[in-house]
Amino acid sequence: MDLMIYIWLAVFVIAFIIEAVTVNLVSIWFSIAALITIALSFIPNMPYWAEIIVFFVLSFGMIIGIKPFVQKHLNTNTTKSNIEEIVGKKGLLIKAVEPLHYGEVKINDIVWSALAENEEDTIVNHSVVIVVAVQGNKLVVKKQQLENK
């Protein structure tokens, strides 16, 4: 019994240190499970294999059940990178997009290589396009449809 308390304490400390260094919300669940298992170690005649089973069930149960919920609420202020913010913006095509040939689009005074959303489409020069995705270092664009008034 006494030996298992020290083993669980060591597991707790190691997992806690790993979590403090990495902050990935993975080993914290092992720390919590180790603390609970330490409490079980004080139960007289508790077999060590039962403690091990409880530790793994708690650890993986928390990773599967609680971690997604916690991450969802901790990552509320994520900001898009510069490249992600370009999706949805309008630009002016300065070189036509043709099947199997990249065009060029100018957005915020920066010229980007562009390809059509539908690979078979041709978009003529000086068209206004909307960025629908980023594919590597190229923008995937579609021609802006004229609105009827």
N, C-alpha and C. Protein backbone atom coordinates (compact mmCIF):
# COMPACT_ATOMS: atom_id res chain seq x y z
N MET A 1 0.82 -1.20 0.00
CA MET A 1 0.00 0.00 0.00
C MET A 1 0.86 1.25 0.00
N ASP A 2 1.86 1.33 0.85
CA ASP A 2 2.69 2.52 0.95
C ASP A 2 3.44 2.80 -0.35
N LEU A 3 3.89 1.76 -1.01
CA LEU A 3 4.64 1.94 -2.25
C LEU A 3 3.76 2.56 -3.33
N MET A 4 2.51 2.15 -3.45
CA MET A 4 1.62 2.67 -4.49
C MET A 4 1.34 4.16 -4.29
N ILE A 5 1.29 4.61 -3.05
CA ILE A 5 1.07 6.04 -2.79
C ILE A 5 2.22 6.84 -3.42
N TYR A 6 3.44 6.39 -3.23
CA TYR A 6 4.60 7.09 -3.79
C TYR A 6 4.64 7.01 -5.32
N ILE A 7 4.22 5.88 -5.84
CA ILE A 7 4.17 5.74 -7.30
C ILE A 7 3.17 6.73 -7.89
N TRP A 8 1.96 6.82 -7.30
CA TRP A 8 0.94 7.73 -7.81
C TRP A 8 1.35 9.19 -7.61
N LEU A 9 2.06 9.45 -6.52
CA LEU A 9 2.56 10.80 -6.28
C LEU A 9 3.59 11.18 -7.36
N ALA A 10 4.45 10.23 -7.71
CA ALA A 10 5.44 10.47 -8.77
C ALA A 10 4.74 10.68 -10.12
N VAL A 11 3.72 9.89 -10.40
CA VAL A 11 2.96 10.06 -11.65
C VAL A 11 2.32 11.45 -11.67
N PHE A 12 1.76 11.85 -10.55
CA PHE A 12 1.14 13.18 -10.47
C PHE A 12 2.16 14.28 -10.77
N VAL A 13 3.31 14.23 -10.10
CA VAL A 13 4.32 15.27 -10.25
C VAL A 13 4.85 15.30 -11.69
N ILE A 14 5.16 14.15 -12.25
CA ILE A 14 5.70 14.10 -13.61
C ILE A 14 4.68 14.62 -14.62
N ALA A 15 3.44 14.17 -14.50
CA ALA A 15 2.40 14.62 -15.43
C ALA A 15 2.15 16.12 -15.27
N PHE A 16 2.19 16.61 -14.05
CA PHE A 16 1.97 18.04 -13.81
C PHE A 16 3.09 18.87 -14.42
N ILE A 17 4.33 18.43 -14.27
CA ILE A 17 5.47 19.14 -14.85
C ILE A 17 5.38 19.14 -16.38
N ILE A 18 5.03 18.00 -16.96
CA ILE A 18 4.88 17.93 -18.42
C ILE A 18 3.80 18.89 -18.89
N GLU A 19 2.69 18.94 -18.17
CA GLU A 19 1.61 19.86 -18.55
C GLU A 19 2.05 21.31 -18.42
N ALA A 20 2.80 21.62 -17.37
CA ALA A 20 3.26 22.99 -17.17
C ALA A 20 4.20 23.42 -18.29
N VAL A 21 4.96 22.50 -18.83
CA VAL A 21 5.91 22.82 -19.90
C VAL A 21 5.21 22.88 -21.26
N THR A 22 4.26 22.00 -21.52
CA THR A 22 3.66 21.90 -22.85
C THR A 22 2.34 22.62 -23.01
N VAL A 23 1.56 22.77 -21.98
CA VAL A 23 0.21 23.36 -21.98
C VAL A 23 -0.67 22.86 -23.14
N ASN A 24 -0.70 21.57 -23.35
CA ASN A 24 -1.54 20.99 -24.39
C ASN A 24 -2.81 20.36 -23.85
N LEU A 25 -3.03 20.46 -22.56
CA LEU A 25 -4.18 19.84 -21.90
C LEU A 25 -4.26 18.34 -22.17
N VAL A 26 -3.14 17.66 -22.05
CA VAL A 26 -3.13 16.21 -22.18
C VAL A 26 -2.74 15.59 -20.86
N SER A 27 -1.60 15.96 -20.33
CA SER A 27 -1.12 15.29 -19.12
C SER A 27 -1.80 15.79 -17.85
N ILE A 28 -2.53 16.88 -17.90
CA ILE A 28 -3.26 17.35 -16.71
C ILE A 28 -4.28 16.31 -16.26
N TRP A 29 -4.85 15.60 -17.21
CA TRP A 29 -5.85 14.59 -16.88
C TRP A 29 -5.21 13.41 -16.14
N PHE A 30 -3.96 13.11 -16.49
CA PHE A 30 -3.23 12.07 -15.78
C PHE A 30 -2.91 12.53 -14.36
N SER A 31 -2.62 13.82 -14.19
CA SER A 31 -2.37 14.36 -12.86
C SER A 31 -3.61 14.23 -11.98
N ILE A 32 -4.74 14.61 -12.50
CA ILE A 32 -5.99 14.53 -11.73
C ILE A 32 -6.31 13.08 -11.39
N ALA A 33 -6.15 12.20 -12.36
CA ALA A 33 -6.42 10.77 -12.10
C ALA A 33 -5.45 10.22 -11.06
N ALA A 34 -4.20 10.67 -11.08
CA ALA A 34 -3.22 10.21 -10.09
C ALA A 34 -3.62 10.67 -8.69
N LEU A 35 -4.11 11.90 -8.56
CA LEU A 35 -4.57 12.38 -7.25
C LEU A 35 -5.72 11.54 -6.71
N ILE A 36 -6.66 11.23 -7.56
CA ILE A 36 -7.80 10.40 -7.14
C ILE A 36 -7.32 9.00 -6.76
N THR A 37 -6.38 8.49 -7.53
CA THR A 37 -5.85 7.15 -7.26
C THR A 37 -5.04 7.13 -5.97
N ILE A 38 -4.38 8.23 -5.63
CA ILE A 38 -3.69 8.31 -4.33
C ILE A 38 -4.69 8.12 -3.20
N ALA A 39 -5.85 8.74 -3.34
CA ALA A 39 -6.89 8.58 -2.31
C ALA A 39 -7.33 7.12 -2.21
N LEU A 40 -7.41 6.43 -3.35
CA LEU A 40 -7.79 5.01 -3.32
C LEU A 40 -6.72 4.15 -2.65
N SER A 41 -5.48 4.60 -2.72
CA SER A 41 -4.38 3.83 -2.11
C SER A 41 -4.51 3.74 -0.59
N PHE A 42 -5.26 4.66 -0.01
CA PHE A 42 -5.44 4.63 1.45
C PHE A 42 -6.51 3.63 1.89
N ILE A 43 -7.25 3.08 0.95
CA ILE A 43 -8.26 2.07 1.30
C ILE A 43 -7.52 0.77 1.62
N PRO A 44 -7.78 0.20 2.80
CA PRO A 44 -7.08 -1.04 3.17
C PRO A 44 -7.39 -2.18 2.20
N ASN A 45 -6.38 -2.97 1.89
CA ASN A 45 -6.47 -4.15 1.03
C ASN A 45 -6.92 -3.84 -0.41
N MET A 46 -6.69 -2.61 -0.85
CA MET A 46 -7.01 -2.25 -2.24
C MET A 46 -5.92 -2.84 -3.12
N PRO A 47 -6.27 -3.73 -4.07
CA PRO A 47 -5.23 -4.33 -4.93
C PRO A 47 -4.64 -3.28 -5.88
N TYR A 48 -3.35 -3.41 -6.13
CA TYR A 48 -2.66 -2.44 -6.99
C TYR A 48 -3.23 -2.45 -8.41
N TRP A 49 -3.66 -3.63 -8.89
CA TRP A 49 -4.19 -3.69 -10.25
C TRP A 49 -5.50 -2.92 -10.36
N ALA A 50 -6.28 -2.87 -9.28
CA ALA A 50 -7.52 -2.08 -9.30
C ALA A 50 -7.20 -0.59 -9.38
N GLU A 51 -6.15 -0.18 -8.68
CA GLU A 51 -5.73 1.23 -8.75
C GLU A 51 -5.29 1.59 -10.16
N ILE A 52 -4.56 0.69 -10.79
CA ILE A 52 -4.10 0.93 -12.16
C ILE A 52 -5.28 1.05 -13.11
N ILE A 53 -6.25 0.17 -12.97
CA ILE A 53 -7.44 0.22 -13.83
C ILE A 53 -8.19 1.53 -13.62
N VAL A 54 -8.38 1.92 -12.36
CA VAL A 54 -9.08 3.17 -12.05
C VAL A 54 -8.32 4.36 -12.66
N PHE A 55 -7.00 4.35 -12.53
CA PHE A 55 -6.19 5.43 -13.08
C PHE A 55 -6.40 5.57 -14.59
N PHE A 56 -6.31 4.46 -15.31
CA PHE A 56 -6.45 4.54 -16.77
C PHE A 56 -7.88 4.88 -17.19
N VAL A 57 -8.87 4.34 -16.51
CA VAL A 57 -10.26 4.66 -16.85
C VAL A 57 -10.53 6.14 -16.62
N LEU A 58 -10.08 6.66 -15.48
CA LEU A 58 -10.27 8.09 -15.20
C LEU A 58 -9.51 8.96 -16.20
N SER A 59 -8.27 8.62 -16.46
CA SER A 59 -7.45 9.43 -17.37
C SER A 59 -8.07 9.53 -18.75
N PHE A 60 -8.35 8.40 -19.34
CA PHE A 60 -8.88 8.41 -20.71
C PHE A 60 -10.33 8.87 -20.75
N GLY A 61 -11.07 8.63 -19.69
CA GLY A 61 -12.43 9.16 -19.61
C GLY A 61 -12.43 10.68 -19.62
N MET A 62 -11.51 11.28 -18.86
CA MET A 62 -11.43 12.75 -18.83
C MET A 62 -10.91 13.30 -20.15
N ILE A 63 -9.96 12.61 -20.79
CA ILE A 63 -9.45 13.07 -22.08
C ILE A 63 -10.57 13.06 -23.12
N ILE A 64 -11.36 12.02 -23.13
CA ILE A 64 -12.44 11.91 -24.11
C ILE A 64 -13.64 12.77 -23.74
N GLY A 65 -13.97 12.80 -22.46
CA GLY A 65 -15.20 13.48 -22.05
C GLY A 65 -15.07 14.94 -21.68
N ILE A 66 -14.00 15.31 -21.01
CA ILE A 66 -13.90 16.67 -20.48
C ILE A 66 -13.01 17.56 -21.32
N LYS A 67 -11.93 17.02 -21.88
CA LYS A 67 -10.96 17.83 -22.62
C LYS A 67 -11.59 18.65 -23.75
N PRO A 68 -12.46 18.07 -24.61
CA PRO A 68 -13.05 18.89 -25.68
C PRO A 68 -13.86 20.06 -25.15
N PHE A 69 -14.58 19.85 -24.07
CA PHE A 69 -15.38 20.91 -23.46
C PHE A 69 -14.49 22.02 -22.93
N VAL A 70 -13.42 21.65 -22.23
CA VAL A 70 -12.50 22.63 -21.65
C VAL A 70 -11.79 23.40 -22.76
N GLN A 71 -11.30 22.71 -23.78
CA GLN A 71 -10.61 23.39 -24.88
C GLN A 71 -11.52 24.35 -25.61
N LYS A 72 -12.77 23.98 -25.76
CA LYS A 72 -13.73 24.84 -26.45
C LYS A 72 -13.89 26.16 -25.70
N HIS A 73 -13.92 26.10 -24.38
CA HIS A 73 -14.13 27.30 -23.59
C HIS A 73 -12.84 28.07 -23.31
N LEU A 74 -11.69 27.43 -23.44
CA LEU A 74 -10.42 28.12 -23.23
C LEU A 74 -9.95 28.84 -24.49
N ASN A 75 -10.32 28.37 -25.66
CA ASN A 75 -9.86 28.95 -26.93
C ASN A 75 -10.90 29.87 -27.54
N THR A 76 -11.49 30.74 -26.75
CA THR A 76 -12.54 31.62 -27.28
C THR A 76 -11.98 32.83 -28.00
N ASN A 77 -10.72 33.20 -27.74
CA ASN A 77 -10.19 34.42 -28.33
C ASN A 77 -9.12 34.15 -29.37
N THR A 78 -9.29 33.09 -30.15
CA THR A 78 -8.33 32.82 -31.21
C THR A 78 -8.56 33.80 -32.35
N THR A 79 -7.49 34.26 -32.93
CA THR A 79 -7.60 35.19 -34.04
C THR A 79 -7.11 34.51 -35.31
N LYS A 80 -7.69 34.93 -36.39
CA LYS A 80 -7.30 34.37 -37.67
C LYS A 80 -5.94 34.92 -38.07
N SER A 81 -5.19 34.11 -38.80
CA SER A 81 -3.92 34.59 -39.33
C SER A 81 -4.21 35.49 -40.53
N ASN A 82 -3.20 36.19 -40.99
CA ASN A 82 -3.37 37.10 -42.12
C ASN A 82 -3.95 36.37 -43.33
N ILE A 83 -3.46 35.18 -43.60
CA ILE A 83 -3.89 34.46 -44.79
C ILE A 83 -5.34 34.00 -44.65
N GLU A 84 -5.78 33.66 -43.44
CA GLU A 84 -7.16 33.23 -43.26
C GLU A 84 -8.14 34.39 -43.40
N GLU A 85 -7.69 35.60 -43.08
CA GLU A 85 -8.57 36.76 -43.16
C GLU A 85 -8.82 37.20 -44.60
N ILE A 86 -8.02 36.72 -45.53
CA ILE A 86 -8.19 37.12 -46.93
C ILE A 86 -9.38 36.40 -47.58
N VAL A 87 -9.78 35.27 -47.00
CA VAL A 87 -10.92 34.53 -47.54
C VAL A 87 -12.17 35.40 -47.38
N GLY A 88 -12.91 35.57 -48.48
CA GLY A 88 -14.11 36.38 -48.48
C GLY A 88 -13.88 37.79 -49.00
N LYS A 89 -12.63 38.18 -49.16
CA LYS A 89 -12.33 39.52 -49.66
C LYS A 89 -12.47 39.58 -51.17
N LYS A 90 -12.70 40.80 -51.66
CA LYS A 90 -12.80 41.03 -53.09
C LYS A 90 -11.47 41.55 -53.61
N GLY A 91 -11.18 41.21 -54.86
CA GLY A 91 -9.96 41.70 -55.49
C GLY A 91 -10.18 41.91 -56.97
N LEU A 92 -9.21 42.55 -57.58
CA LEU A 92 -9.28 42.82 -59.01
C LEU A 92 -8.32 41.89 -59.73
N LEU A 93 -8.84 41.17 -60.71
CA LEU A 93 -8.02 40.25 -61.49
C LEU A 93 -7.18 41.08 -62.46
N ILE A 94 -5.86 40.96 -62.36
CA ILE A 94 -4.99 41.73 -63.25
C ILE A 94 -4.36 40.85 -64.33
N LYS A 95 -4.57 39.54 -64.21
CA LYS A 95 -4.16 38.60 -65.26
C LYS A 95 -5.22 37.51 -65.28
N ALA A 96 -5.75 37.22 -66.45
CA ALA A 96 -6.87 36.29 -66.58
C ALA A 96 -6.54 34.90 -66.03
N VAL A 97 -7.55 34.27 -65.47
CA VAL A 97 -7.44 32.89 -65.00
C VAL A 97 -8.04 32.00 -66.08
N GLU A 98 -7.27 31.03 -66.52
CA GLU A 98 -7.72 30.11 -67.55
C GLU A 98 -7.51 28.68 -67.08
N PRO A 99 -8.19 27.72 -67.70
CA PRO A 99 -7.94 26.32 -67.32
C PRO A 99 -6.46 25.99 -67.46
N LEU A 100 -5.88 25.39 -66.46
CA LEU A 100 -4.48 24.98 -66.40
C LEU A 100 -3.48 26.14 -66.37
N HIS A 101 -3.96 27.38 -66.19
CA HIS A 101 -3.07 28.54 -66.09
C HIS A 101 -3.53 29.41 -64.93
N TYR A 102 -2.55 29.78 -64.11
CA TYR A 102 -2.86 30.67 -63.00
C TYR A 102 -3.01 32.10 -63.49
N GLY A 103 -3.85 32.83 -62.82
CA GLY A 103 -3.98 34.26 -63.07
C GLY A 103 -3.36 35.01 -61.91
N GLU A 104 -3.61 36.31 -61.88
CA GLU A 104 -3.13 37.12 -60.77
C GLU A 104 -4.24 38.03 -60.31
N VAL A 105 -4.34 38.16 -58.99
CA VAL A 105 -5.36 39.02 -58.40
C VAL A 105 -4.68 39.98 -57.44
N LYS A 106 -5.16 41.21 -57.43
CA LYS A 106 -4.58 42.23 -56.55
C LYS A 106 -5.58 42.51 -55.43
N ILE A 107 -5.08 42.31 -54.20
CA ILE A 107 -5.90 42.57 -53.01
C ILE A 107 -5.03 43.38 -52.05
N ASN A 108 -5.52 44.54 -51.64
CA ASN A 108 -4.78 45.42 -50.72
C ASN A 108 -3.37 45.71 -51.23
N ASP A 109 -3.25 46.00 -52.51
CA ASP A 109 -1.97 46.33 -53.15
C ASP A 109 -0.96 45.19 -53.14
N ILE A 110 -1.41 43.97 -52.92
CA ILE A 110 -0.55 42.80 -52.98
C ILE A 110 -1.06 41.92 -54.12
N VAL A 111 -0.15 41.45 -54.95
CA VAL A 111 -0.51 40.60 -56.09
C VAL A 111 -0.33 39.14 -55.69
N TRP A 112 -1.37 38.35 -55.89
CA TRP A 112 -1.38 36.93 -55.54
C TRP A 112 -1.60 36.11 -56.81
N SER A 113 -1.04 34.91 -56.83
CA SER A 113 -1.40 33.96 -57.88
C SER A 113 -2.80 33.47 -57.57
N ALA A 114 -3.57 33.25 -58.62
CA ALA A 114 -4.97 32.87 -58.41
C ALA A 114 -5.36 31.75 -59.36
N LEU A 115 -6.28 30.91 -58.90
CA LEU A 115 -6.88 29.91 -59.75
C LEU A 115 -8.38 29.91 -59.51
N ALA A 116 -9.12 29.48 -60.51
CA ALA A 116 -10.57 29.52 -60.43
C ALA A 116 -11.09 28.41 -59.52
N GLU A 117 -12.20 28.70 -58.85
CA GLU A 117 -12.83 27.71 -57.98
C GLU A 117 -13.17 26.46 -58.78
N ASN A 118 -13.73 26.65 -59.96
CA ASN A 118 -13.98 25.55 -60.88
C ASN A 118 -12.83 25.56 -61.89
N GLU A 119 -12.03 24.52 -61.89
CA GLU A 119 -10.80 24.49 -62.70
C GLU A 119 -11.04 24.72 -64.19
N GLU A 120 -12.25 24.48 -64.65
CA GLU A 120 -12.55 24.62 -66.09
C GLU A 120 -13.00 26.03 -66.46
N ASP A 121 -13.20 26.89 -65.47
CA ASP A 121 -13.67 28.25 -65.74
C ASP A 121 -12.54 29.15 -66.23
N THR A 122 -12.94 30.12 -67.03
CA THR A 122 -12.04 31.20 -67.43
C THR A 122 -12.62 32.48 -66.85
N ILE A 123 -11.77 33.25 -66.18
CA ILE A 123 -12.20 34.54 -65.65
C ILE A 123 -11.34 35.59 -66.33
N VAL A 124 -12.01 36.53 -66.99
CA VAL A 124 -11.29 37.50 -67.82
C VAL A 124 -10.61 38.56 -66.97
N ASN A 125 -9.62 39.19 -67.59
CA ASN A 125 -8.86 40.25 -66.96
C ASN A 125 -9.78 41.39 -66.52
N HIS A 126 -9.44 42.05 -65.43
CA HIS A 126 -10.16 43.19 -64.85
C HIS A 126 -11.51 42.82 -64.27
N SER A 127 -11.73 41.55 -63.98
CA SER A 127 -12.96 41.13 -63.31
C SER A 127 -12.78 41.28 -61.80
N VAL A 128 -13.88 41.54 -61.12
CA VAL A 128 -13.86 41.56 -59.66
C VAL A 128 -14.13 40.13 -59.20
N VAL A 129 -13.23 39.62 -58.35
CA VAL A 129 -13.36 38.24 -57.87
C VAL A 129 -13.43 38.23 -56.35
N ILE A 130 -13.94 37.13 -55.83
CA ILE A 130 -14.02 36.92 -54.38
C ILE A 130 -13.16 35.71 -54.05
N VAL A 131 -12.35 35.84 -53.01
CA VAL A 131 -11.49 34.74 -52.57
C VAL A 131 -12.36 33.75 -51.78
N VAL A 132 -12.36 32.49 -52.23
CA VAL A 132 -13.16 31.46 -51.55
C VAL A 132 -12.31 30.52 -50.72
N ALA A 133 -11.00 30.48 -51.00
CA ALA A 133 -10.12 29.59 -50.23
C ALA A 133 -8.67 29.96 -50.53
N VAL A 134 -7.78 29.40 -49.73
CA VAL A 134 -6.35 29.55 -49.96
C VAL A 134 -5.81 28.14 -50.14
N GLN A 135 -5.07 27.94 -51.21
CA GLN A 135 -4.50 26.63 -51.53
C GLN A 135 -3.00 26.80 -51.69
N GLY A 136 -2.27 26.48 -50.63
CA GLY A 136 -0.83 26.71 -50.64
C GLY A 136 -0.56 28.20 -50.64
N ASN A 137 0.12 28.70 -51.67
CA ASN A 137 0.37 30.13 -51.78
C ASN A 137 -0.48 30.77 -52.88
N LYS A 138 -1.54 30.09 -53.27
CA LYS A 138 -2.43 30.60 -54.32
C LYS A 138 -3.82 30.81 -53.74
N LEU A 139 -4.51 31.80 -54.30
CA LEU A 139 -5.88 32.08 -53.88
C LEU A 139 -6.84 31.41 -54.85
N VAL A 140 -7.85 30.78 -54.31
CA VAL A 140 -8.92 30.19 -55.11
C VAL A 140 -10.01 31.25 -55.16
N VAL A 141 -10.37 31.65 -56.38
CA VAL A 141 -11.31 32.76 -56.54
C VAL A 141 -12.49 32.36 -57.40
N LYS A 142 -13.55 33.15 -57.27
CA LYS A 142 -14.70 33.02 -58.17
C LYS A 142 -15.12 34.43 -58.57
N LYS A 143 -15.69 34.55 -59.75
CA LYS A 143 -16.10 35.85 -60.27
C LYS A 143 -17.29 36.34 -59.46
N GLN A 144 -17.25 37.61 -59.10
CA GLN A 144 -18.36 38.21 -58.37
C GLN A 144 -19.54 38.35 -59.30
N GLN A 145 -20.69 37.89 -58.84
CA GLN A 145 -21.90 37.98 -59.63
C GLN A 145 -22.49 39.38 -59.48
N LEU A 146 -22.96 39.94 -60.58
CA LEU A 146 -23.61 41.24 -60.54
C LEU A 146 -24.95 41.12 -59.86
N GLU A 147 -25.25 42.10 -59.01
CA GLU A 147 -26.54 42.09 -58.31
C GLU A 147 -27.57 42.79 -59.17
N ASN A 148 -28.78 42.20 -59.24
CA ASN A 148 -29.88 42.81 -59.98
C ASN A 148 -30.61 43.80 -59.09
N LYS A 149 -30.88 44.96 -59.62
CA LYS A 149 -31.60 45.97 -58.81
C LYS A 149 -32.95 46.23 -59.37
